[in-house]
């Protein structure tokens, strides 16, 4: 579990991790409601493919998506793996912050 302080609302949140076989997700939950999540799968090359990211309206605009993305990236770095941006959010963030992610970003079909 990762813990961080929301910059705009000054409250602590936990990013939790759940894995099952070759899939997993990092998520933020309040009571039984998932407020934000990023999902990945492990491909045949044993790298991570981010295939979905969502942030609820309640947490929108607070940088939560990038914190979830960074959780996947940190996991990949720890395991010496690459990350493929399979969802639009991850693609946009990897392109916008290319220098930050260049060591783990496995570019596929980029033009």
PDB file of N, CA and C in Angstrom:
ATOM      1  N   UNK A   1       0.847  -1.168   0.000  1.00  0.00           N
ATOM      2  CA  UNK A   1       0.000   0.000   0.000  1.00  0.00           C
ATOM      3  C   UNK A   1       0.897   1.236   0.000  1.00  0.00           C
ATOM      4  N   UNK A   2       0.570   2.197  -0.840  1.00  0.00           N
ATOM      5  CA  UNK A   2       1.263   3.474  -0.907  1.00  0.00           C
ATOM      6  C   UNK A   2       0.369   4.523  -0.278  1.00  0.00           C
ATOM      7  N   UNK A   3       0.955   5.475   0.418  1.00  0.00           N
ATOM      8  CA  UNK A   3       0.179   6.525   1.066  1.00  0.00           C
ATOM      9  C   UNK A   3       0.698   7.874   0.582  1.00  0.00           C
ATOM     10  N   UNK A   4      -0.213   8.792   0.277  1.00  0.00           N
ATOM     11  CA  UNK A   4       0.184  10.130  -0.127  1.00  0.00           C
ATOM     12  C   UNK A   4      -0.838  11.131   0.370  1.00  0.00           C
ATOM     13  N   UNK A   5      -0.425  12.377   0.386  1.00  0.00           N
ATOM     14  CA  UNK A   5      -1.300  13.470   0.803  1.00  0.00           C
ATOM     15  C   UNK A   5      -1.792  14.189  -0.452  1.00  0.00           C
ATOM     16  N   UNK A   6      -3.097  14.315  -0.577  1.00  0.00           N
ATOM     17  CA  UNK A   6      -3.677  15.042  -1.702  1.00  0.00           C
ATOM     18  C   UNK A   6      -3.276  16.507  -1.604  1.00  0.00           C
ATOM     19  N   UNK A   7      -2.746  17.035  -2.694  1.00  0.00           N
ATOM     20  CA  UNK A   7      -2.239  18.408  -2.687  1.00  0.00           C
ATOM     21  C   UNK A   7      -3.340  19.447  -2.538  1.00  0.00           C
ATOM     22  N   UNK A   8      -4.482  19.210  -3.131  1.00  0.00           N
ATOM     23  CA  UNK A   8      -5.512  20.241  -3.101  1.00  0.00           C
ATOM     24  C   UNK A   8      -6.442  20.141  -1.894  1.00  0.00           C
ATOM     25  N   UNK A   9      -6.622  18.950  -1.360  1.00  0.00           N
ATOM     26  CA  UNK A   9      -7.571  18.791  -0.262  1.00  0.00           C
ATOM     27  C   UNK A   9      -6.915  18.464   1.072  1.00  0.00           C
ATOM     28  N   UNK A  10      -5.610  18.262   1.066  1.00  0.00           N
ATOM     29  CA  UNK A  10      -4.852  18.012   2.291  1.00  0.00           C
ATOM     30  C   UNK A  10      -5.386  16.841   3.109  1.00  0.00           C
ATOM     31  N   UNK A  11      -5.674  15.749   2.454  1.00  0.00           N
ATOM     32  CA  UNK A  11      -6.059  14.547   3.188  1.00  0.00           C
ATOM     33  C   UNK A  11      -5.246  13.377   2.663  1.00  0.00           C
ATOM     34  N   UNK A  12      -5.079  12.394   3.514  1.00  0.00           N
ATOM     35  CA  UNK A  12      -4.263  11.235   3.155  1.00  0.00           C
ATOM     36  C   UNK A  12      -5.111  10.213   2.409  1.00  0.00           C
ATOM     37  N   UNK A  13      -4.485   9.566   1.432  1.00  0.00           N
ATOM     38  CA  UNK A  13      -5.147   8.511   0.669  1.00  0.00           C
ATOM     39  C   UNK A  13      -4.197   7.335   0.558  1.00  0.00           C
ATOM     40  N   UNK A  14      -4.762   6.169   0.493  1.00  0.00           N
ATOM     41  CA  UNK A  14      -3.971   4.972   0.294  1.00  0.00           C
ATOM     42  C   UNK A  14      -4.182   4.452  -1.115  1.00  0.00           C
ATOM     43  N   UNK A  15      -3.082   4.160  -1.788  1.00  0.00           N
ATOM     44  CA  UNK A  15      -3.160   3.468  -3.065  1.00  0.00           C
ATOM     45  C   UNK A  15      -2.925   1.999  -2.758  1.00  0.00           C
ATOM     46  N   UNK A  16      -3.919   1.190  -3.061  1.00  0.00           N
ATOM     47  CA  UNK A  16      -3.833  -0.232  -2.796  1.00  0.00           C
ATOM     48  C   UNK A  16      -3.515  -0.990  -4.083  1.00  0.00           C
ATOM     49  N   UNK A  17      -2.978  -2.180  -3.918  1.00  0.00           N
ATOM     50  CA  UNK A  17      -2.586  -3.008  -5.059  1.00  0.00           C
ATOM     51  C   UNK A  17      -3.286  -4.361  -4.965  1.00  0.00           C
ATOM     52  N   UNK A  18      -3.768  -4.823  -6.107  1.00  0.00           N
ATOM     53  CA  UNK A  18      -4.405  -6.141  -6.173  1.00  0.00           C
ATOM     54  C   UNK A  18      -3.900  -6.828  -7.433  1.00  0.00           C
ATOM     55  N   UNK A  19      -3.420  -8.068  -7.296  1.00  0.00           N
ATOM     56  CA  UNK A  19      -2.945  -8.843  -8.434  1.00  0.00           C
ATOM     57  C   UNK A  19      -3.635 -10.198  -8.466  1.00  0.00           C
ATOM     58  N   UNK A  20      -3.829 -10.687  -9.678  1.00  0.00           N
ATOM     59  CA  UNK A  20      -4.416 -12.009  -9.868  1.00  0.00           C
ATOM     60  C   UNK A  20      -3.852 -12.583 -11.163  1.00  0.00           C
ATOM     61  N   UNK A  21      -2.955 -13.534 -11.036  1.00  0.00           N
ATOM     62  CA  UNK A  21      -2.344 -14.120 -12.222  1.00  0.00           C
ATOM     63  C   UNK A  21      -1.545 -13.089 -12.988  1.00  0.00           C
ATOM     64  N   UNK A  22      -1.916 -12.865 -14.246  1.00  0.00           N
ATOM     65  CA  UNK A  22      -1.183 -11.925 -15.104  1.00  0.00           C
ATOM     66  C   UNK A  22      -1.878 -10.566 -15.211  1.00  0.00           C
ATOM     67  N   UNK A  23      -2.776 -10.267 -14.296  1.00  0.00           N
ATOM     68  CA  UNK A  23      -3.446  -8.967 -14.287  1.00  0.00           C
ATOM     69  C   UNK A  23      -3.338  -8.346 -12.902  1.00  0.00           C
ATOM     70  N   UNK A  24      -3.536  -7.046 -12.859  1.00  0.00           N
ATOM     71  CA  UNK A  24      -3.505  -6.370 -11.575  1.00  0.00           C
ATOM     72  C   UNK A  24      -3.984  -4.942 -11.698  1.00  0.00           C
ATOM     73  N   UNK A  25      -4.068  -4.294 -10.543  1.00  0.00           N
ATOM     74  CA  UNK A  25      -4.458  -2.894 -10.533  1.00  0.00           C
ATOM     75  C   UNK A  25      -3.980  -2.221  -9.264  1.00  0.00           C
ATOM     76  N   UNK A  26      -3.760  -0.925  -9.381  1.00  0.00           N
ATOM     77  CA  UNK A  26      -3.601  -0.039  -8.235  1.00  0.00           C
ATOM     78  C   UNK A  26      -4.900   0.740  -8.159  1.00  0.00           C
ATOM     79  N   UNK A  27      -5.389   0.990  -6.940  1.00  0.00           N
ATOM     80  CA  UNK A  27      -6.664   1.674  -6.821  1.00  0.00           C
ATOM     81  C   UNK A  27      -6.767   2.435  -5.507  1.00  0.00           C
ATOM     82  N   UNK A  28      -7.684   3.388  -5.500  1.00  0.00           N
ATOM     83  CA  UNK A  28      -8.031   4.149  -4.303  1.00  0.00           C
ATOM     84  C   UNK A  28      -9.485   3.847  -4.022  1.00  0.00           C
ATOM     85  N   UNK A  29      -9.738   3.476  -2.793  1.00  0.00           N
ATOM     86  CA  UNK A  29     -11.084   3.058  -2.412  1.00  0.00           C
ATOM     87  C   UNK A  29     -11.514   3.832  -1.171  1.00  0.00           C
ATOM     88  N   UNK A  30     -12.781   4.201  -1.157  1.00  0.00           N
ATOM     89  CA  UNK A  30     -13.382   4.830   0.014  1.00  0.00           C
ATOM     90  C   UNK A  30     -14.605   4.006   0.376  1.00  0.00           C
ATOM     91  N   UNK A  31     -14.607   3.475   1.573  1.00  0.00           N
ATOM     92  CA  UNK A  31     -15.611   2.499   1.972  1.00  0.00           C
ATOM     93  C   UNK A  31     -15.533   1.344   0.970  1.00  0.00           C
ATOM     94  N   UNK A  32     -16.593   1.052   0.255  1.00  0.00           N
ATOM     95  CA  UNK A  32     -16.551  -0.020  -0.742  1.00  0.00           C
ATOM     96  C   UNK A  32     -16.513   0.507  -2.174  1.00  0.00           C
ATOM     97  N   UNK A  33     -16.361   1.811  -2.326  1.00  0.00           N
ATOM     98  CA  UNK A  33     -16.367   2.429  -3.655  1.00  0.00           C
ATOM     99  C   UNK A  33     -14.945   2.662  -4.151  1.00  0.00           C
ATOM    100  N   UNK A  34     -14.653   2.182  -5.357  1.00  0.00           N
ATOM    101  CA  UNK A  34     -13.368   2.466  -5.998  1.00  0.00           C
ATOM    102  C   UNK A  34     -13.483   3.850  -6.637  1.00  0.00           C
ATOM    103  N   UNK A  35     -12.630   4.768  -6.190  1.00  0.00           N
ATOM    104  CA  UNK A  35     -12.669   6.142  -6.672  1.00  0.00           C
ATOM    105  C   UNK A  35     -11.712   6.393  -7.825  1.00  0.00           C
ATOM    106  N   UNK A  36     -10.678   5.548  -7.929  1.00  0.00           N
ATOM    107  CA  UNK A  36      -9.706   5.684  -9.011  1.00  0.00           C
ATOM    108  C   UNK A  36      -8.970   4.362  -9.155  1.00  0.00           C
ATOM    109  N   UNK A  37      -8.601   4.030 -10.394  1.00  0.00           N
ATOM    110  CA  UNK A  37      -7.829   2.809 -10.593  1.00  0.00           C
ATOM    111  C   UNK A  37      -7.046   2.854 -11.895  1.00  0.00           C
ATOM    112  N   UNK A  38      -6.002   2.049 -11.924  1.00  0.00           N
ATOM    113  CA  UNK A  38      -5.218   1.834 -13.134  1.00  0.00           C
ATOM    114  C   UNK A  38      -4.991   0.334 -13.227  1.00  0.00           C
ATOM    115  N   UNK A  39      -5.315  -0.244 -14.377  1.00  0.00           N
ATOM    116  CA  UNK A  39      -5.226  -1.691 -14.557  1.00  0.00           C
ATOM    117  C   UNK A  39      -4.107  -2.037 -15.520  1.00  0.00           C
ATOM    118  N   UNK A  40      -3.495  -3.185 -15.289  1.00  0.00           N
ATOM    119  CA  UNK A  40      -2.444  -3.651 -16.186  1.00  0.00           C
ATOM    120  C   UNK A  40      -2.551  -5.152 -16.367  1.00  0.00           C
ATOM    121  N   UNK A  41      -1.892  -5.615 -17.408  1.00  0.00           N
ATOM    122  CA  UNK A  41      -1.727  -7.044 -17.619  1.00  0.00           C
ATOM    123  C   UNK A  41      -0.271  -7.277 -17.972  1.00  0.00           C
ATOM    124  N   UNK A  42       0.181  -8.501 -17.787  1.00  0.00           N
ATOM    125  CA  UNK A  42       1.543  -8.875 -18.140  1.00  0.00           C
ATOM    126  C   UNK A  42       1.475  -9.568 -19.492  1.00  0.00           C
ATOM    127  N   UNK A  43       2.230  -9.043 -20.468  1.00  0.00           N
ATOM    128  CA  UNK A  43       2.179  -9.618 -21.813  1.00  0.00           C
ATOM    129  C   UNK A  43       3.155 -10.778 -21.963  1.00  0.00           C
ATOM    130  N   UNK A  44       3.241 -11.319 -23.161  1.00  0.00           N
ATOM    131  CA  UNK A  44       4.103 -12.474 -23.420  1.00  0.00           C
ATOM    132  C   UNK A  44       5.583 -12.173 -23.226  1.00  0.00           C
ATOM    133  N   UNK A  45       5.951 -10.896 -23.338  1.00  0.00           N
ATOM    134  CA  UNK A  45       7.338 -10.492 -23.120  1.00  0.00           C
ATOM    135  C   UNK A  45       7.619 -10.223 -21.644  1.00  0.00           C
ATOM    136  N   UNK A  46       6.630 -10.483 -20.787  1.00  0.00           N
ATOM    137  CA  UNK A  46       6.748 -10.289 -19.342  1.00  0.00           C
ATOM    138  C   UNK A  46       6.863  -8.817 -18.965  1.00  0.00           C
ATOM    139  N   UNK A  47       6.278  -7.950 -19.776  1.00  0.00           N
ATOM    140  CA  UNK A  47       6.226  -6.527 -19.476  1.00  0.00           C
ATOM    141  C   UNK A  47       4.797  -6.133 -19.131  1.00  0.00           C
ATOM    142  N   UNK A  48       4.629  -4.935 -18.575  1.00  0.00           N
ATOM    143  CA  UNK A  48       3.315  -4.462 -18.149  1.00  0.00           C
ATOM    144  C   UNK A  48       2.637  -3.662 -19.257  1.00  0.00           C
ATOM    145  N   UNK A  49       1.369  -3.953 -19.489  1.00  0.00           N
ATOM    146  CA  UNK A  49       0.557  -3.193 -20.440  1.00  0.00           C
ATOM    147  C   UNK A  49      -0.550  -2.515 -19.634  1.00  0.00           C
ATOM    148  N   UNK A  50      -0.510  -1.193 -19.588  1.00  0.00           N
ATOM    149  CA  UNK A  50      -1.584  -0.448 -18.917  1.00  0.00           C
ATOM    150  C   UNK A  50      -2.759  -0.399 -19.878  1.00  0.00           C
ATOM    151  N   UNK A  51      -3.882  -0.976 -19.463  1.00  0.00           N
ATOM    152  CA  UNK A  51      -5.015  -1.059 -20.381  1.00  0.00           C
ATOM    153  C   UNK A  51      -6.249  -0.268 -19.942  1.00  0.00           C
ATOM    154  N   UNK A  52      -6.168   0.396 -18.788  1.00  0.00           N
ATOM    155  CA  UNK A  52      -7.322   1.189 -18.345  1.00  0.00           C
ATOM    156  C   UNK A  52      -6.903   2.077 -17.175  1.00  0.00           C
ATOM    157  N   UNK A  53      -7.362   3.313 -17.203  1.00  0.00           N
ATOM    158  CA  UNK A  53      -7.180   4.239 -16.080  1.00  0.00           C
ATOM    159  C   UNK A  53      -8.469   5.011 -15.898  1.00  0.00           C
ATOM    160  N   UNK A  54      -8.917   5.140 -14.659  1.00  0.00           N
ATOM    161  CA  UNK A  54     -10.103   5.963 -14.404  1.00  0.00           C
ATOM    162  C   UNK A  54      -9.961   6.667 -13.060  1.00  0.00           C
ATOM    163  N   UNK A  55     -10.492   7.873 -13.017  1.00  0.00           N
ATOM    164  CA  UNK A  55     -10.519   8.677 -11.796  1.00  0.00           C
ATOM    165  C   UNK A  55     -11.921   9.257 -11.674  1.00  0.00           C
ATOM    166  N   UNK A  56     -12.527   9.088 -10.518  1.00  0.00           N
ATOM    167  CA  UNK A  56     -13.887   9.583 -10.310  1.00  0.00           C
ATOM    168  C   UNK A  56     -13.915  11.108 -10.327  1.00  0.00           C
ATOM    169  N   UNK A  57     -15.093  11.634 -10.538  1.00  0.00           N
ATOM    170  CA  UNK A  57     -15.274  13.082 -10.532  1.00  0.00           C
ATOM    171  C   UNK A  57     -14.854  13.676  -9.187  1.00  0.00           C
ATOM    172  N   UNK A  58     -15.079  12.941  -8.122  1.00  0.00           N
ATOM    173  CA  UNK A  58     -14.729  13.400  -6.772  1.00  0.00           C
ATOM    174  C   UNK A  58     -13.235  13.688  -6.641  1.00  0.00           C
ATOM    175  N   UNK A  59     -12.395  12.902  -7.332  1.00  0.00           N
ATOM    176  CA  UNK A  59     -10.942  13.062  -7.230  1.00  0.00           C
ATOM    177  C   UNK A  59     -10.321  13.734  -8.453  1.00  0.00           C
ATOM    178  N   UNK A  60     -11.133  14.057  -9.422  1.00  0.00           N
ATOM    179  CA  UNK A  60     -10.645  14.645 -10.672  1.00  0.00           C
ATOM    180  C   UNK A  60      -9.876  15.946 -10.419  1.00  0.00           C
ATOM    181  N   UNK A  61      -8.811  16.141 -11.183  1.00  0.00           N
ATOM    182  CA  UNK A  61      -8.045  17.372 -11.114  1.00  0.00           C
ATOM    183  C   UNK A  61      -7.042  17.445  -9.975  1.00  0.00           C
ATOM    184  N   UNK A  62      -6.819  16.351  -9.270  1.00  0.00           N
ATOM    185  CA  UNK A  62      -5.913  16.341  -8.124  1.00  0.00           C
ATOM    186  C   UNK A  62      -4.612  15.586  -8.393  1.00  0.00           C
ATOM    187  N   UNK A  63      -4.381  15.186  -9.640  1.00  0.00           N
ATOM    188  CA  UNK A  63      -3.154  14.470  -9.953  1.00  0.00           C
ATOM    189  C   UNK A  63      -3.178  13.009  -9.566  1.00  0.00           C
ATOM    190  N   UNK A  64      -4.353  12.481  -9.332  1.00  0.00           N
ATOM    191  CA  UNK A  64      -4.481  11.086  -8.890  1.00  0.00           C
ATOM    192  C   UNK A  64      -4.069  10.125 -10.006  1.00  0.00           C
ATOM    193  N   UNK A  65      -4.471  10.414 -11.236  1.00  0.00           N
ATOM    194  CA  UNK A  65      -4.122   9.540 -12.359  1.00  0.00           C
ATOM    195  C   UNK A  65      -2.620   9.374 -12.503  1.00  0.00           C
ATOM    196  N   UNK A  66      -1.883  10.464 -12.372  1.00  0.00           N
ATOM    197  CA  UNK A  66      -0.432  10.388 -12.511  1.00  0.00           C
ATOM    198  C   UNK A  66       0.189   9.630 -11.332  1.00  0.00           C
ATOM    199  N   UNK A  67      -0.391   9.739 -10.141  1.00  0.00           N
ATOM    200  CA  UNK A  67       0.111   8.974  -8.997  1.00  0.00           C
ATOM    201  C   UNK A  67      -0.092   7.474  -9.220  1.00  0.00           C
ATOM    202  N   UNK A  68      -1.231   7.109  -9.809  1.00  0.00           N
ATOM    203  CA  UNK A  68      -1.472   5.703 -10.122  1.00  0.00           C
ATOM    204  C   UNK A  68      -0.516   5.231 -11.219  1.00  0.00           C
ATOM    205  N   UNK A  69      -0.321   6.051 -12.236  1.00  0.00           N
ATOM    206  CA  UNK A  69       0.625   5.716 -13.299  1.00  0.00           C
ATOM    207  C   UNK A  69       2.025   5.530 -12.717  1.00  0.00           C
ATOM    208  N   UNK A  70       2.428   6.428 -11.840  1.00  0.00           N
ATOM    209  CA  UNK A  70       3.750   6.317 -11.222  1.00  0.00           C
ATOM    210  C   UNK A  70       3.890   5.050 -10.381  1.00  0.00           C
ATOM    211  N   UNK A  71       2.805   4.589  -9.793  1.00  0.00           N
ATOM    212  CA  UNK A  71       2.850   3.340  -9.027  1.00  0.00           C
ATOM    213  C   UNK A  71       3.193   2.162  -9.939  1.00  0.00           C
ATOM    214  N   UNK A  72       2.589   2.117 -11.134  1.00  0.00           N
ATOM    215  CA  UNK A  72       2.901   1.058 -12.099  1.00  0.00           C
ATOM    216  C   UNK A  72       4.347   1.198 -12.576  1.00  0.00           C
ATOM    217  N   UNK A  73       4.754   2.413 -12.876  1.00  0.00           N
ATOM    218  CA  UNK A  73       6.119   2.662 -13.349  1.00  0.00           C
ATOM    219  C   UNK A  73       7.142   2.265 -12.284  1.00  0.00           C
ATOM    220  N   UNK A  74       6.897   2.623 -11.035  1.00  0.00           N
ATOM    221  CA  UNK A  74       7.816   2.251  -9.956  1.00  0.00           C
ATOM    222  C   UNK A  74       7.905   0.735  -9.813  1.00  0.00           C
ATOM    223  N   UNK A  75       6.770   0.055  -9.939  1.00  0.00           N
ATOM    224  CA  UNK A  75       6.755  -1.406  -9.870  1.00  0.00           C
ATOM    225  C   UNK A  75       7.595  -1.988 -11.009  1.00  0.00           C
ATOM    226  N   UNK A  76       7.434  -1.439 -12.205  1.00  0.00           N
ATOM    227  CA  UNK A  76       8.202  -1.916 -13.362  1.00  0.00           C
ATOM    228  C   UNK A  76       9.697  -1.684 -13.152  1.00  0.00           C
ATOM    229  N   UNK A  77      10.051  -0.528 -12.656  1.00  0.00           N
ATOM    230  CA  UNK A  77      11.468  -0.235 -12.395  1.00  0.00           C
ATOM    231  C   UNK A  77      12.042  -1.210 -11.374  1.00  0.00           C
ATOM    232  N   UNK A  78      11.290  -1.462 -10.315  1.00  0.00           N
ATOM    233  CA  UNK A  78      11.749  -2.388  -9.274  1.00  0.00           C
ATOM    234  C   UNK A  78      11.990  -3.792  -9.821  1.00  0.00           C
ATOM    235  N   UNK A  79      11.206  -4.174 -10.841  1.00  0.00           N
ATOM    236  CA  UNK A  79      11.295  -5.535 -11.396  1.00  0.00           C
ATOM    237  C   UNK A  79      12.045  -5.579 -12.730  1.00  0.00           C
ATOM    238  N   UNK A  80      12.651  -4.456 -13.101  1.00  0.00           N
ATOM    239  CA  UNK A  80      13.397  -4.378 -14.364  1.00  0.00           C
ATOM    240  C   UNK A  80      12.536  -4.728 -15.576  1.00  0.00           C
ATOM    241  N   UNK A  81      11.328  -4.209 -15.604  1.00  0.00           N
ATOM    242  CA  UNK A  81      10.381  -4.457 -16.688  1.00  0.00           C
ATOM    243  C   UNK A  81      10.118  -3.174 -17.456  1.00  0.00           C
ATOM    244  N   UNK A  82       9.465  -3.307 -18.576  1.00  0.00           N
ATOM    245  CA  UNK A  82       9.031  -2.173 -19.387  1.00  0.00           C
ATOM    246  C   UNK A  82       7.523  -2.013 -19.244  1.00  0.00           C
ATOM    247  N   UNK A  83       7.025  -0.827 -19.616  1.00  0.00           N
ATOM    248  CA  UNK A  83       5.593  -0.527 -19.556  1.00  0.00           C
ATOM    249  C   UNK A  83       5.134  -0.100 -20.936  1.00  0.00           C
ATOM    250  N   UNK A  84       4.052  -0.684 -21.395  1.00  0.00           N
ATOM    251  CA  UNK A  84       3.421  -0.328 -22.661  1.00  0.00           C
ATOM    252  C   UNK A  84       2.153   0.461 -22.331  1.00  0.00           C
ATOM    253  N   UNK A  85       2.035   1.641 -22.920  1.00  0.00           N
ATOM    254  CA  UNK A  85       0.865   2.484 -22.680  1.00  0.00           C
ATOM    255  C   UNK A  85      -0.265   2.020 -23.587  1.00  0.00           C
ATOM    256  N   UNK A  86      -1.174   1.239 -23.046  1.00  0.00           N
ATOM    257  CA  UNK A  86      -2.274   0.701 -23.831  1.00  0.00           C
ATOM    258  C   UNK A  86      -3.565   1.478 -23.692  1.00  0.00           C
ATOM    259  N   UNK A  87      -3.600   2.466 -22.816  1.00  0.00           N
ATOM    260  CA  UNK A  87      -4.791   3.314 -22.696  1.00  0.00           C
ATOM    261  C   UNK A  87      -4.392   4.748 -23.008  1.00  0.00           C
ATOM    262  N   UNK A  88      -5.360   5.542 -23.376  1.00  0.00           N
ATOM    263  CA  UNK A  88      -5.091   6.907 -23.840  1.00  0.00           C
ATOM    264  C   UNK A  88      -4.417   7.757 -22.768  1.00  0.00           C
ATOM    265  N   UNK A  89      -4.856   7.649 -21.525  1.00  0.00           N
ATOM    266  CA  UNK A  89      -4.248   8.448 -20.458  1.00  0.00           C
ATOM    267  C   UNK A  89      -2.755   8.155 -20.340  1.00  0.00           C
ATOM    268  N   UNK A  90      -2.387   6.889 -20.296  1.00  0.00           N
ATOM    269  CA  UNK A  90      -0.972   6.524 -20.172  1.00  0.00           C
ATOM    270  C   UNK A  90      -0.181   7.016 -21.376  1.00  0.00           C
ATOM    271  N   UNK A  91      -0.748   6.891 -22.582  1.00  0.00           N
ATOM    272  CA  UNK A  91      -0.063   7.377 -23.786  1.00  0.00           C
ATOM    273  C   UNK A  91       0.217   8.876 -23.700  1.00  0.00           C
ATOM    274  N   UNK A  92      -0.790   9.634 -23.317  1.00  0.00           N
ATOM    275  CA  UNK A  92      -0.643  11.078 -23.223  1.00  0.00           C
ATOM    276  C   UNK A  92       0.398  11.456 -22.172  1.00  0.00           C
ATOM    277  N   UNK A  93       0.348  10.828 -21.012  1.00  0.00           N
ATOM    278  CA  UNK A  93       1.291  11.149 -19.940  1.00  0.00           C
ATOM    279  C   UNK A  93       2.718  10.744 -20.300  1.00  0.00           C
ATOM    280  N   UNK A  94       2.884   9.581 -20.933  1.00  0.00           N
ATOM    281  CA  UNK A  94       4.224   9.158 -21.343  1.00  0.00           C
ATOM    282  C   UNK A  94       4.810  10.130 -22.362  1.00  0.00           C
ATOM    283  N   UNK A  95       3.982  10.591 -23.287  1.00  0.00           N
ATOM    284  CA  UNK A  95       4.463  11.551 -24.285  1.00  0.00           C
ATOM    285  C   UNK A  95       4.754  12.912 -23.644  1.00  0.00           C
ATOM    286  N   UNK A  96       3.878  13.347 -22.761  1.00  0.00           N
ATOM    287  CA  UNK A  96       4.034  14.654 -22.114  1.00  0.00           C
ATOM    288  C   UNK A  96       5.263  14.701 -21.206  1.00  0.00           C
ATOM    289  N   UNK A  97       5.557  13.580 -20.558  1.00  0.00           N
ATOM    290  CA  UNK A  97       6.676  13.505 -19.605  1.00  0.00           C
ATOM    291  C   UNK A  97       7.688  12.460 -20.061  1.00  0.00           C
ATOM    292  N   UNK A  98       8.042  12.523 -21.325  1.00  0.00           N
ATOM    293  CA  UNK A  98       8.895  11.495 -21.927  1.00  0.00           C
ATOM    294  C   UNK A  98      10.208  11.304 -21.179  1.00  0.00           C
ATOM    295  N   UNK A  99      10.819  12.367 -20.739  1.00  0.00           N
ATOM    296  CA  UNK A  99      12.103  12.270 -20.025  1.00  0.00           C
ATOM    297  C   UNK A  99      11.948  11.479 -18.717  1.00  0.00           C
ATOM    298  N   UNK A 100      10.855  11.702 -18.029  1.00  0.00           N
ATOM    299  CA  UNK A 100      10.590  11.033 -16.748  1.00  0.00           C
ATOM    300  C   UNK A 100      10.399   9.524 -16.912  1.00  0.00           C
ATOM    301  N   UNK A 101       9.821   9.115 -18.040  1.00  0.00           N
ATOM    302  CA  UNK A 101       9.449   7.711 -18.237  1.00  0.00           C
ATOM    303  C   UNK A 101      10.295   6.970 -19.268  1.00  0.00           C
ATOM    304  N   UNK A 102      11.272   7.627 -19.856  1.00  0.00           N
ATOM    305  CA  UNK A 102      11.994   7.027 -20.985  1.00  0.00           C
ATOM    306  C   UNK A 102      12.671   5.697 -20.643  1.00  0.00           C
ATOM    307  N   UNK A 103      13.032   5.476 -19.388  1.00  0.00           N
ATOM    308  CA  UNK A 103      13.724   4.232 -19.018  1.00  0.00           C
ATOM    309  C   UNK A 103      12.793   3.021 -18.977  1.00  0.00           C
ATOM    310  N   UNK A 104      11.495   3.251 -18.838  1.00  0.00           N
ATOM    311  CA  UNK A 104      10.556   2.118 -18.740  1.00  0.00           C
ATOM    312  C   UNK A 104       9.548   2.053 -19.887  1.00  0.00           C
ATOM    313  N   UNK A 105       9.421   3.122 -20.655  1.00  0.00           N
ATOM    314  CA  UNK A 105       8.397   3.178 -21.701  1.00  0.00           C
ATOM    315  C   UNK A 105       8.804   2.309 -22.887  1.00  0.00           C
ATOM    316  N   UNK A 106       8.014   1.293 -23.138  1.00  0.00           N
ATOM    317  CA  UNK A 106       8.180   0.421 -24.319  1.00  0.00           C
ATOM    318  C   UNK A 106       7.225   0.969 -25.376  1.00  0.00           C
ATOM    319  N   UNK A 107       7.768   1.736 -26.317  1.00  0.00           N
ATOM    320  CA  UNK A 107       6.928   2.368 -27.338  1.00  0.00           C
ATOM    321  C   UNK A 107       6.469   1.330 -28.346  1.00  0.00           C
ATOM    322  N   UNK A 108       5.198   1.342 -28.617  1.00  0.00           N
ATOM    323  CA  UNK A 108       4.590   0.457 -29.611  1.00  0.00           C
ATOM    324  C   UNK A 108       3.725   1.288 -30.537  1.00  0.00           C
ATOM    325  N   UNK A 109       3.939   1.131 -31.818  1.00  0.00           N
ATOM    326  CA  UNK A 109       3.121   1.822 -32.824  1.00  0.00           C
ATOM    327  C   UNK A 109       3.060   3.329 -32.621  1.00  0.00           C
ATOM    328  N   UNK A 110       4.149   3.915 -32.131  1.00  0.00           N
ATOM    329  CA  UNK A 110       4.198   5.364 -31.939  1.00  0.00           C
ATOM    330  C   UNK A 110       4.633   6.027 -33.230  1.00  0.00           C
ATOM    331  N   UNK A 111       3.959   7.091 -33.625  1.00  0.00           N
ATOM    332  CA  UNK A 111       4.296   7.812 -34.844  1.00  0.00           C
ATOM    333  C   UNK A 111       4.663   9.224 -34.518  1.00  0.00           C
TER     334      UNK A 111
END
